[in-house]
C-alpha cells in the first residue's frame, strides 16, 4: 500500500467477464488474508501517513533495478528521451550519492514552499495529458531526481510527456510537502472559517475565500492557487478516464487532500474539511488571488 491509499472509488475492483468476483484459489488464501489486513489498516489510515513518515525516520530506500520500472507511460507515447539539458551533471543522477539512497538534502528540498510551487506549476501544465496523477507513488530516487531538476529551474512539460521525467515524482513530492508542513497549507487560525465556505454562495463565498487567502503568507498564496487549479485539472482527467462524472472525481480528491490541507483533529471535522476542499476544487477561482 502506498502513500496515497486512496479509497476504492479511485479505481474499479477486478471482476471476471460475467461481472462477478474472481474465484480465489487455495494457494491465494494467505494472500487474501494479507489484503484484508491491509484494507483494515487503510480504513484507519486512509492517507497511509503512518506507513510513510519523513525519510529521516526511515532507513535507506531501495531503488528498483530499472528506472523504467517506475516511470509510467505518458499520454503521448512511451520511450525515455534524455533528460533536459542542464549545466550540472547532478540533473542526471544525484551527485556523489548512490542511486539506492535518498540524500537528506532532497527531504529538505521538498519542505521548501517555492519548490512545491514549481512542482504544482509543472503538474498543472501536464495534468490533462497525464494518466492517474495522485493515484500512484513514485520511487524515492525519482523524487530526488525531480527535486534536483526543479531546483535548477522550471521543467518543461515535454520532459514528462516524452517519458524523460516521471510526472508521478512531482505529485509524490507535492504530497510529501503538504504532509510534512508544520501545519496545514490553509491556516489553522482560520480553520473554522474554511469549514464554513461550502455553506456560502455567490459573492459572499468568493469574498470570504479571497479574504482567507489574503491572510496567508505571499508564497503560500501562490501555492494554494496553483494547487487548486491543478486538482481541478486532475479531477477532469480522472473523470475522462473513469467516466463516472466530474463531481465523483472531485469528491475523491477532496477525501485525499482535505486532511492534508486542513488537518482536522476530531472525527466530526473530517467530513467538514473534505467538503471545504471539495468546494474549492470545484471552484478554484475562489482561491486565485493576485
Protein backbone atom coordinates (compact mmCIF):
# COMPACT_ATOMS: atom_id res chain seq x y z
CA UNK A 1 0.00 0.00 0.00
CA UNK A 2 1.38 3.40 -0.94
CA UNK A 3 1.30 6.85 0.48
CA UNK A 4 -1.91 7.88 -1.16
CA UNK A 5 -4.00 4.86 -0.14
CA UNK A 6 -6.98 6.39 -1.95
CA UNK A 7 -10.38 4.79 -1.39
CA UNK A 8 -11.70 2.23 -3.84
CA UNK A 9 -13.68 4.84 -5.75
CA UNK A 10 -10.42 6.00 -7.38
CA UNK A 11 -10.39 2.75 -9.33
CA UNK A 12 -12.52 -0.28 -10.03
CA UNK A 13 -12.18 -3.71 -8.47
CA UNK A 14 -11.22 -6.63 -10.70
CA UNK A 15 -14.12 -8.69 -11.97
CA UNK A 16 -14.45 -11.63 -14.32
CA UNK A 17 -16.17 -11.42 -17.70
CA UNK A 18 -19.55 -12.19 -16.15
CA UNK A 19 -19.26 -9.33 -13.71
CA UNK A 20 -18.73 -11.50 -10.66
CA UNK A 21 -15.77 -11.63 -8.31
CA UNK A 22 -12.76 -13.59 -9.42
CA UNK A 23 -12.52 -17.05 -7.78
CA UNK A 24 -9.92 -17.40 -5.07
CA UNK A 25 -7.58 -20.35 -5.41
CA UNK A 26 -6.47 -22.26 -2.33
CA UNK A 27 -2.91 -21.10 -2.77
CA UNK A 28 -4.12 -17.49 -2.69
CA UNK A 29 -5.84 -17.75 0.71
CA UNK A 30 -2.88 -16.35 2.62
CA UNK A 31 -2.61 -13.50 0.10
CA UNK A 32 -6.31 -12.73 0.56
CA UNK A 33 -5.88 -12.62 4.34
CA UNK A 34 -2.95 -10.21 3.88
CA UNK A 35 -5.07 -7.97 1.65
CA UNK A 36 -7.84 -7.98 4.26
CA UNK A 37 -5.37 -6.84 6.89
CA UNK A 38 -4.15 -4.08 4.59
CA UNK A 39 -7.73 -2.96 3.93
CA UNK A 40 -8.34 -2.64 7.67
CA UNK A 41 -5.19 -0.58 8.03
CA UNK A 42 -6.21 1.61 5.10
CA UNK A 43 -9.57 2.34 6.72
CA UNK A 44 -7.82 3.51 9.88
CA UNK A 45 -5.15 5.46 7.99
CA UNK A 46 -6.58 6.37 4.54
CA UNK A 47 -3.61 8.54 3.57
CA UNK A 48 -1.02 6.00 4.61
CA UNK A 49 0.75 8.66 6.65
CA UNK A 50 1.77 6.25 9.40
CA UNK A 51 3.43 3.99 6.82
CA UNK A 52 5.21 6.90 5.19
CA UNK A 53 6.97 9.03 7.81
CA UNK A 54 9.58 11.61 6.75
CA UNK A 55 12.67 10.00 5.29
CA UNK A 56 14.71 10.95 8.35
CA UNK A 57 12.67 8.39 10.28
CA UNK A 58 13.42 5.60 7.81
CA UNK A 59 16.45 3.70 6.65
CA UNK A 60 17.95 3.85 3.16
CA UNK A 61 15.34 3.49 0.44
CA UNK A 62 15.92 0.98 -2.35
CA UNK A 63 15.57 1.95 -5.99
CA UNK A 64 14.04 -0.60 -8.38
CA UNK A 65 16.51 -2.39 -10.63
CA UNK A 66 15.47 -0.21 -13.54
CA UNK A 67 14.33 3.38 -13.62
CA UNK A 68 11.88 2.43 -16.32
CA UNK A 69 10.09 0.19 -13.83
CA UNK A 70 8.74 3.22 -12.00
CA UNK A 71 8.13 5.50 -14.96
CA UNK A 72 4.56 5.23 -16.28
CA UNK A 73 3.76 5.53 -19.94
CA UNK A 74 2.83 9.08 -20.76
CA UNK A 75 -0.34 10.00 -22.60
CA UNK A 76 1.73 10.82 -25.68
CA UNK A 77 3.96 7.83 -26.17
CA UNK A 78 6.41 5.63 -24.40
CA UNK A 79 10.18 5.76 -24.67
CA UNK A 80 12.53 7.62 -22.38
CA UNK A 81 14.19 10.57 -24.02
CA UNK A 82 17.33 12.07 -22.49
CA UNK A 83 16.70 14.39 -19.56
CA UNK A 84 16.53 18.12 -20.31
CA UNK A 85 19.95 19.74 -20.79
CA UNK A 86 21.45 21.16 -17.64
CA UNK A 87 24.64 22.83 -16.62
CA UNK A 88 25.04 20.32 -13.80
CA UNK A 89 25.65 16.60 -14.10
CA UNK A 90 23.53 16.18 -10.97
CA UNK A 91 20.44 16.65 -13.13
CA UNK A 92 21.06 13.15 -14.45
CA UNK A 93 21.99 11.46 -11.18
CA UNK A 94 22.22 12.65 -7.57
CA UNK A 95 25.81 13.90 -7.37
CA UNK A 96 28.06 11.79 -5.16
CA UNK A 97 25.18 9.70 -3.81
CA UNK A 98 24.32 6.11 -4.63
CA UNK A 99 21.02 5.95 -6.53
CA UNK A 100 19.73 3.44 -3.99
CA UNK A 101 19.61 6.06 -1.25
CA UNK A 102 17.70 9.33 -0.96
CA UNK A 103 20.02 12.20 0.09
CA UNK A 104 18.91 14.19 3.15
CA UNK A 105 19.06 17.35 1.02
CA UNK A 106 16.13 16.05 -1.01
CA UNK A 107 13.89 15.90 2.04
CA UNK A 108 14.96 19.44 2.89
CA UNK A 109 14.16 20.48 -0.68
CA UNK A 110 10.59 19.18 -0.70
CA UNK A 111 9.91 21.07 2.51
CA UNK A 112 10.53 24.24 0.51
CA UNK A 113 7.36 26.09 -0.48
CA UNK A 114 8.97 27.55 -3.65
CA UNK A 115 9.97 24.04 -4.77
CA UNK A 116 6.45 22.75 -4.08
CA UNK A 117 5.11 25.63 -6.16
CA UNK A 118 7.43 24.65 -9.03
CA UNK A 119 6.12 21.07 -8.77
CA UNK A 120 2.49 22.26 -8.77
CA UNK A 121 3.06 24.50 -11.79
CA UNK A 122 4.81 21.68 -13.64
CA UNK A 123 1.97 19.27 -12.90
CA UNK A 124 -0.62 21.87 -13.87
CA UNK A 125 0.92 22.08 -17.33
CA UNK A 126 0.59 18.32 -17.95
CA UNK A 127 -2.34 17.22 -15.75
CA UNK A 128 -4.90 16.88 -18.53
CA UNK A 129 -2.50 14.75 -20.60
CA UNK A 130 -1.16 12.56 -17.77
CA UNK A 131 -2.95 9.43 -16.62
CA UNK A 132 -3.58 8.97 -12.92
CA UNK A 133 -1.82 11.76 -11.04
CA UNK A 134 -2.08 11.20 -7.25
CA UNK A 135 -3.04 7.56 -7.81
CA UNK A 136 0.46 6.12 -7.52
CA UNK A 137 3.67 6.76 -5.59
CA UNK A 138 6.99 7.38 -7.32
CA UNK A 139 10.25 5.84 -6.14
CA UNK A 140 12.47 7.79 -3.75
CA UNK A 141 15.14 8.08 -6.43
CA UNK A 142 12.72 9.56 -8.97
CA UNK A 143 11.52 12.08 -6.38
CA UNK A 144 15.11 13.02 -5.60
CA UNK A 145 15.96 13.39 -9.28
CA UNK A 146 12.96 15.61 -9.94
CA UNK A 147 13.71 17.74 -6.89
CA UNK A 148 17.18 18.44 -8.26
CA UNK A 149 15.77 19.35 -11.65
CA UNK A 150 13.21 21.71 -10.14
CA UNK A 151 15.90 23.40 -8.06
CA UNK A 152 17.66 24.30 -11.30
CA UNK A 153 14.55 25.89 -12.82
CA UNK A 154 11.16 25.03 -14.36
CA UNK A 155 10.92 21.61 -16.00
CA UNK A 156 9.27 21.80 -19.45
CA UNK A 157 6.04 19.82 -19.98
CA UNK A 158 7.71 17.96 -22.86
CA UNK A 159 10.05 16.27 -20.37
CA UNK A 160 7.13 14.42 -18.81
CA UNK A 161 5.08 13.88 -21.93
CA UNK A 162 8.08 12.28 -23.66
CA UNK A 163 8.81 9.99 -20.70
CA UNK A 164 12.09 11.67 -19.74
CA UNK A 165 10.76 12.69 -16.32
CA UNK A 166 8.33 10.76 -14.14
CA UNK A 167 5.36 13.09 -13.51
CA UNK A 168 4.28 10.97 -10.55
CA UNK A 169 7.52 12.00 -8.84
CA UNK A 170 6.27 15.60 -8.86
CA UNK A 171 2.91 14.50 -7.45
CA UNK A 172 4.65 12.48 -4.73
CA UNK A 173 6.94 15.39 -3.88
CA UNK A 174 3.96 17.72 -3.61
CA UNK A 175 2.07 15.41 -1.26
CA UNK A 176 5.20 14.90 0.86
CA UNK A 177 5.49 18.68 1.13
CA UNK A 178 1.87 19.07 2.25
CA UNK A 179 2.21 16.17 4.69
CA UNK A 180 5.40 17.45 6.31
CA UNK A 181 4.44 21.10 6.76
CA UNK A 182 4.29 22.17 10.44
CA UNK A 183 0.58 22.88 9.91
CA UNK A 184 -1.89 22.57 7.06
CA UNK A 185 -1.41 24.74 4.00
CA UNK A 186 -4.65 26.53 4.83
CA UNK A 187 -4.03 28.40 8.08
CA UNK A 188 -5.01 26.73 11.34
CA UNK A 189 -6.03 30.14 12.71
CA UNK A 190 -8.85 30.35 10.18
CA UNK A 191 -9.80 26.66 10.28
CA UNK A 192 -13.45 27.27 11.24
CA UNK A 193 -13.87 29.87 8.51
CA UNK A 194 -12.56 27.49 5.87
CA UNK A 195 -15.03 24.85 7.05
CA UNK A 196 -17.86 27.35 6.54
CA UNK A 197 -17.01 28.03 2.87
CA UNK A 198 -19.34 25.30 1.47
CA UNK A 199 -22.27 26.86 3.34
CA UNK A 200 -21.90 30.14 1.44
CA UNK A 201 -22.92 31.03 -2.08
CA UNK A 202 -22.15 33.53 -4.79
CA UNK A 203 -20.40 36.76 -3.99
CA UNK A 204 -20.35 36.11 -0.24
CA UNK A 205 -18.49 32.84 -0.73
CA UNK A 206 -15.99 34.42 -3.11
CA UNK A 207 -15.33 37.39 -0.84
CA UNK A 208 -14.76 35.16 2.19
CA UNK A 209 -12.43 32.81 0.30
CA UNK A 210 -10.42 35.72 -1.09
CA UNK A 211 -10.18 37.26 2.38
CA UNK A 212 -8.89 33.99 3.83
CA UNK A 213 -6.28 33.57 1.08
CA UNK A 214 -5.05 37.13 1.57
CA UNK A 215 -4.34 36.30 5.20
CA UNK A 216 -1.81 33.65 4.11
CA UNK A 217 1.90 34.40 3.53
CA UNK A 218 2.56 35.58 -0.03
CA UNK A 219 4.47 32.48 -1.17
CA UNK A 220 1.77 30.27 0.33
CA UNK A 221 -0.92 32.13 -1.63
CA UNK A 222 0.82 31.22 -4.88
CA UNK A 223 0.97 27.55 -3.93
CA UNK A 224 -2.70 27.50 -2.88
CA UNK A 225 -3.78 28.98 -6.20
CA UNK A 226 -1.60 26.61 -8.26
CA UNK A 227 -2.64 23.57 -6.22
CA UNK A 228 -6.40 24.00 -6.58
CA UNK A 229 -6.10 24.78 -10.29
CA UNK A 230 -4.06 21.56 -10.60
CA UNK A 231 -6.56 19.49 -8.62
CA UNK A 232 -9.40 20.66 -10.85
CA UNK A 233 -7.46 19.53 -13.93
CA UNK A 234 -6.61 16.21 -12.28
CA UNK A 235 -10.29 15.67 -11.48
CA UNK A 236 -11.17 16.32 -15.13
CA UNK A 237 -8.58 13.79 -16.32
CA UNK A 238 -9.80 11.20 -13.81
CA UNK A 239 -13.39 11.81 -14.90
CA UNK A 240 -12.50 11.31 -18.56
CA UNK A 241 -10.76 8.03 -17.73
CA UNK A 242 -13.25 6.54 -15.26
CA UNK A 243 -16.35 8.01 -16.95
CA UNK A 244 -18.20 8.39 -13.66
CA UNK A 245 -18.67 12.14 -13.53
CA UNK A 246 -16.57 15.14 -12.56
CA UNK A 247 -18.26 15.56 -9.18
CA UNK A 248 -17.36 11.97 -8.24
CA UNK A 249 -13.70 12.63 -9.00
CA UNK A 250 -13.66 15.95 -7.14
CA UNK A 251 -15.16 14.21 -4.11
CA UNK A 252 -12.49 11.50 -4.29
CA UNK A 253 -9.65 14.03 -4.43
CA UNK A 254 -11.16 16.06 -1.59
CA UNK A 255 -11.07 12.99 0.65
CA UNK A 256 -7.34 12.74 0.00
CA UNK A 257 -6.48 16.43 0.28
CA UNK A 258 -8.96 17.52 2.96
CA UNK A 259 -6.91 16.05 5.82
CA UNK A 260 -3.63 17.20 4.23
CA UNK A 261 -4.64 20.82 3.72
CA UNK A 262 -6.81 21.49 6.79
CA UNK A 263 -5.56 18.93 9.33
CA UNK A 264 -8.82 18.20 11.19
CA UNK A 265 -8.16 16.90 14.71
CA UNK A 266 -11.60 15.50 15.52
CA UNK A 267 -13.56 12.80 13.71
CA UNK A 268 -16.53 15.09 13.20
CA UNK A 269 -14.29 17.66 11.49
CA UNK A 270 -13.01 15.26 8.85
CA UNK A 271 -16.08 15.27 6.56
CA UNK A 272 -16.37 19.03 7.01
CA UNK A 273 -12.78 19.51 5.90
CA UNK A 274 -13.38 17.32 2.86
CA UNK A 275 -16.47 19.35 1.93
CA UNK A 276 -14.48 22.57 2.19
CA UNK A 277 -11.78 21.25 -0.13
CA UNK A 278 -14.44 19.89 -2.47
CA UNK A 279 -15.93 23.38 -2.80
CA UNK A 280 -12.53 24.87 -3.58
CA UNK A 281 -11.58 22.21 -6.14
CA UNK A 282 -14.97 22.72 -7.81
CA UNK A 283 -14.34 26.47 -7.95
CA UNK A 284 -10.57 27.10 -8.00
CA UNK A 285 -11.14 30.79 -8.81
CA UNK A 286 -12.18 31.19 -5.16
CA UNK A 287 -8.54 30.92 -4.10
CA UNK A 288 -6.99 32.61 -7.12
CA UNK A 289 -5.92 35.92 -5.64
CA UNK A 290 -3.25 38.17 -7.23
